[in-house]
């Protein structure tokens, strides 16, 4: 496993955080609770960062081949 070229863990974490964002948006405070509503900006930040890192690493692999 090459940590500089491995992008799959970042894609998986991005999907998980994106699911948290979606559930919070669709469910509201009644379903997910106040703590998930408070964590909404952090979920967006982590989701965006994870997808960005995965994209950069995936693009780096494709440019080498």
N, C-alpha and C. Protein backbone atom coordinates (compact mmCIF):
# COMPACT_ATOMS: atom_id res chain seq x y z
N UNK A 1 0.84 -1.18 0.00
CA UNK A 1 0.00 0.00 0.00
C UNK A 1 0.89 1.24 0.00
N UNK A 2 0.71 2.05 -1.00
CA UNK A 2 1.45 3.29 -1.11
C UNK A 2 0.56 4.43 -0.62
N UNK A 3 0.92 5.04 0.50
CA UNK A 3 0.07 6.06 1.10
C UNK A 3 -0.04 7.32 0.25
N UNK A 4 0.96 7.60 -0.57
CA UNK A 4 0.91 8.79 -1.40
C UNK A 4 0.00 8.62 -2.61
N UNK A 5 -0.26 7.38 -3.02
CA UNK A 5 -1.06 7.13 -4.21
C UNK A 5 -2.38 6.43 -3.90
N UNK A 6 -2.66 6.14 -2.66
CA UNK A 6 -3.88 5.44 -2.32
C UNK A 6 -5.01 6.44 -2.09
N UNK A 7 -6.02 6.36 -2.92
CA UNK A 7 -7.12 7.32 -2.85
C UNK A 7 -8.42 6.73 -2.32
N UNK A 8 -8.54 5.42 -2.26
CA UNK A 8 -9.79 4.78 -1.88
C UNK A 8 -10.27 5.09 -0.46
N UNK A 9 -9.40 5.15 0.56
CA UNK A 9 -9.90 5.52 1.89
C UNK A 9 -10.51 6.92 1.94
N UNK A 10 -9.98 7.82 1.11
CA UNK A 10 -10.53 9.17 1.09
C UNK A 10 -11.88 9.21 0.38
N UNK A 11 -12.05 8.39 -0.63
CA UNK A 11 -13.35 8.31 -1.29
C UNK A 11 -14.39 7.73 -0.33
N UNK A 12 -14.01 6.70 0.40
CA UNK A 12 -14.94 6.08 1.34
C UNK A 12 -15.31 7.06 2.46
N UNK A 13 -14.33 7.75 3.01
CA UNK A 13 -14.65 8.72 4.07
C UNK A 13 -15.47 9.88 3.52
N UNK A 14 -15.21 10.30 2.29
CA UNK A 14 -16.02 11.34 1.67
C UNK A 14 -17.47 10.92 1.50
N UNK A 15 -17.68 9.67 1.12
CA UNK A 15 -19.04 9.15 0.98
C UNK A 15 -19.74 9.09 2.33
N UNK A 16 -19.04 8.66 3.35
CA UNK A 16 -19.63 8.58 4.69
C UNK A 16 -20.03 9.97 5.19
N UNK A 17 -19.14 10.94 5.04
CA UNK A 17 -19.46 12.29 5.49
C UNK A 17 -20.57 12.91 4.64
N UNK A 18 -20.59 12.59 3.35
CA UNK A 18 -21.66 13.09 2.49
C UNK A 18 -23.01 12.49 2.89
N UNK A 19 -23.01 11.23 3.29
CA UNK A 19 -24.24 10.61 3.79
C UNK A 19 -24.71 11.30 5.07
N UNK A 20 -23.79 11.65 5.94
CA UNK A 20 -24.14 12.39 7.16
C UNK A 20 -24.76 13.74 6.82
N UNK A 21 -24.21 14.43 5.82
CA UNK A 21 -24.75 15.71 5.39
C UNK A 21 -26.16 15.52 4.84
N UNK A 22 -26.35 14.50 4.01
CA UNK A 22 -27.65 14.25 3.41
C UNK A 22 -28.69 13.88 4.45
N UNK A 23 -28.32 13.02 5.38
CA UNK A 23 -29.26 12.62 6.43
C UNK A 23 -29.63 13.82 7.29
N UNK A 24 -28.67 14.66 7.60
CA UNK A 24 -28.95 15.85 8.41
C UNK A 24 -29.86 16.82 7.67
N UNK A 25 -29.62 16.98 6.38
CA UNK A 25 -30.44 17.90 5.60
C UNK A 25 -31.88 17.39 5.47
N UNK A 26 -32.02 16.12 5.14
CA UNK A 26 -33.36 15.57 4.91
C UNK A 26 -34.11 15.27 6.20
N UNK A 27 -33.39 14.84 7.22
CA UNK A 27 -34.04 14.43 8.46
C UNK A 27 -34.41 15.57 9.38
N UNK A 28 -33.56 16.55 9.47
CA UNK A 28 -33.82 17.65 10.38
C UNK A 28 -33.49 17.27 11.82
N UNK A 29 -33.74 18.20 12.73
CA UNK A 29 -33.40 18.00 14.14
C UNK A 29 -34.25 16.91 14.76
N UNK A 30 -35.48 16.74 14.29
CA UNK A 30 -36.37 15.75 14.89
C UNK A 30 -35.85 14.33 14.73
N UNK A 31 -35.20 14.05 13.62
CA UNK A 31 -34.74 12.68 13.35
C UNK A 31 -33.30 12.46 13.80
N UNK A 32 -32.40 13.38 13.47
CA UNK A 32 -30.98 13.15 13.74
C UNK A 32 -30.52 13.73 15.07
N UNK A 33 -31.23 14.67 15.61
CA UNK A 33 -30.84 15.25 16.89
C UNK A 33 -30.07 16.54 16.72
N UNK A 34 -29.91 17.23 17.82
CA UNK A 34 -29.27 18.54 17.81
C UNK A 34 -27.76 18.44 17.58
N UNK A 35 -27.13 17.36 18.03
CA UNK A 35 -25.68 17.25 17.88
C UNK A 35 -25.29 17.08 16.42
N UNK A 36 -26.10 16.34 15.66
CA UNK A 36 -25.80 16.14 14.24
C UNK A 36 -26.05 17.44 13.48
N UNK A 37 -27.04 18.20 13.89
CA UNK A 37 -27.30 19.48 13.26
C UNK A 37 -26.15 20.45 13.54
N UNK A 38 -25.59 20.38 14.73
CA UNK A 38 -24.46 21.24 15.07
C UNK A 38 -23.19 20.84 14.32
N UNK A 39 -23.06 19.56 13.99
CA UNK A 39 -21.88 19.06 13.28
C UNK A 39 -21.98 19.23 11.77
N UNK A 40 -23.08 19.75 11.27
CA UNK A 40 -23.32 19.88 9.83
C UNK A 40 -22.18 20.59 9.09
N UNK A 41 -21.70 21.75 9.55
CA UNK A 41 -20.60 22.41 8.83
C UNK A 41 -19.32 21.58 8.80
N UNK A 42 -19.06 20.86 9.86
CA UNK A 42 -17.86 20.02 9.90
C UNK A 42 -17.99 18.84 8.94
N UNK A 43 -19.19 18.27 8.85
CA UNK A 43 -19.42 17.19 7.89
C UNK A 43 -19.21 17.68 6.46
N UNK A 44 -19.66 18.87 6.15
CA UNK A 44 -19.46 19.43 4.81
C UNK A 44 -17.97 19.64 4.55
N UNK A 45 -17.28 20.19 5.52
CA UNK A 45 -15.84 20.44 5.37
C UNK A 45 -15.07 19.14 5.14
N UNK A 46 -15.33 18.13 5.96
CA UNK A 46 -14.62 16.85 5.82
C UNK A 46 -14.98 16.14 4.52
N UNK A 47 -16.23 16.22 4.11
CA UNK A 47 -16.64 15.59 2.87
C UNK A 47 -15.93 16.23 1.68
N UNK A 48 -15.92 17.54 1.64
CA UNK A 48 -15.25 18.25 0.54
C UNK A 48 -13.75 17.98 0.54
N UNK A 49 -13.15 18.00 1.71
CA UNK A 49 -11.70 17.76 1.79
C UNK A 49 -11.35 16.33 1.38
N UNK A 50 -12.14 15.37 1.79
CA UNK A 50 -11.87 13.97 1.44
C UNK A 50 -11.97 13.74 -0.07
N UNK A 51 -13.03 14.29 -0.68
CA UNK A 51 -13.17 14.15 -2.12
C UNK A 51 -12.07 14.89 -2.87
N UNK A 52 -11.63 16.02 -2.37
CA UNK A 52 -10.56 16.77 -3.03
C UNK A 52 -9.23 16.02 -2.96
N UNK A 53 -8.91 15.47 -1.80
CA UNK A 53 -7.67 14.70 -1.67
C UNK A 53 -7.72 13.46 -2.54
N UNK A 54 -8.86 12.78 -2.57
CA UNK A 54 -8.99 11.59 -3.41
C UNK A 54 -8.84 11.94 -4.88
N UNK A 55 -9.42 13.06 -5.31
CA UNK A 55 -9.31 13.48 -6.70
C UNK A 55 -7.86 13.79 -7.07
N UNK A 56 -7.15 14.49 -6.20
CA UNK A 56 -5.75 14.83 -6.47
C UNK A 56 -4.90 13.58 -6.58
N UNK A 57 -5.09 12.65 -5.66
CA UNK A 57 -4.29 11.42 -5.70
C UNK A 57 -4.65 10.55 -6.90
N UNK A 58 -5.94 10.48 -7.26
CA UNK A 58 -6.36 9.68 -8.41
C UNK A 58 -5.81 10.28 -9.70
N UNK A 59 -5.84 11.59 -9.80
CA UNK A 59 -5.32 12.27 -10.98
C UNK A 59 -3.81 12.07 -11.10
N UNK A 60 -3.13 12.06 -9.97
CA UNK A 60 -1.68 11.85 -9.96
C UNK A 60 -1.33 10.45 -10.47
N UNK A 61 -2.14 9.45 -10.12
CA UNK A 61 -1.90 8.08 -10.60
C UNK A 61 -2.11 8.00 -12.09
N UNK A 62 -3.16 8.65 -12.62
CA UNK A 62 -3.45 8.58 -14.04
C UNK A 62 -2.45 9.34 -14.88
N UNK A 63 -1.84 10.37 -14.34
CA UNK A 63 -0.84 11.11 -15.11
C UNK A 63 0.47 10.33 -15.26
N UNK A 64 0.77 9.46 -14.30
CA UNK A 64 1.98 8.67 -14.37
C UNK A 64 1.88 7.57 -15.42
N UNK A 65 0.68 7.02 -15.61
CA UNK A 65 0.53 5.89 -16.55
C UNK A 65 0.26 6.33 -17.95
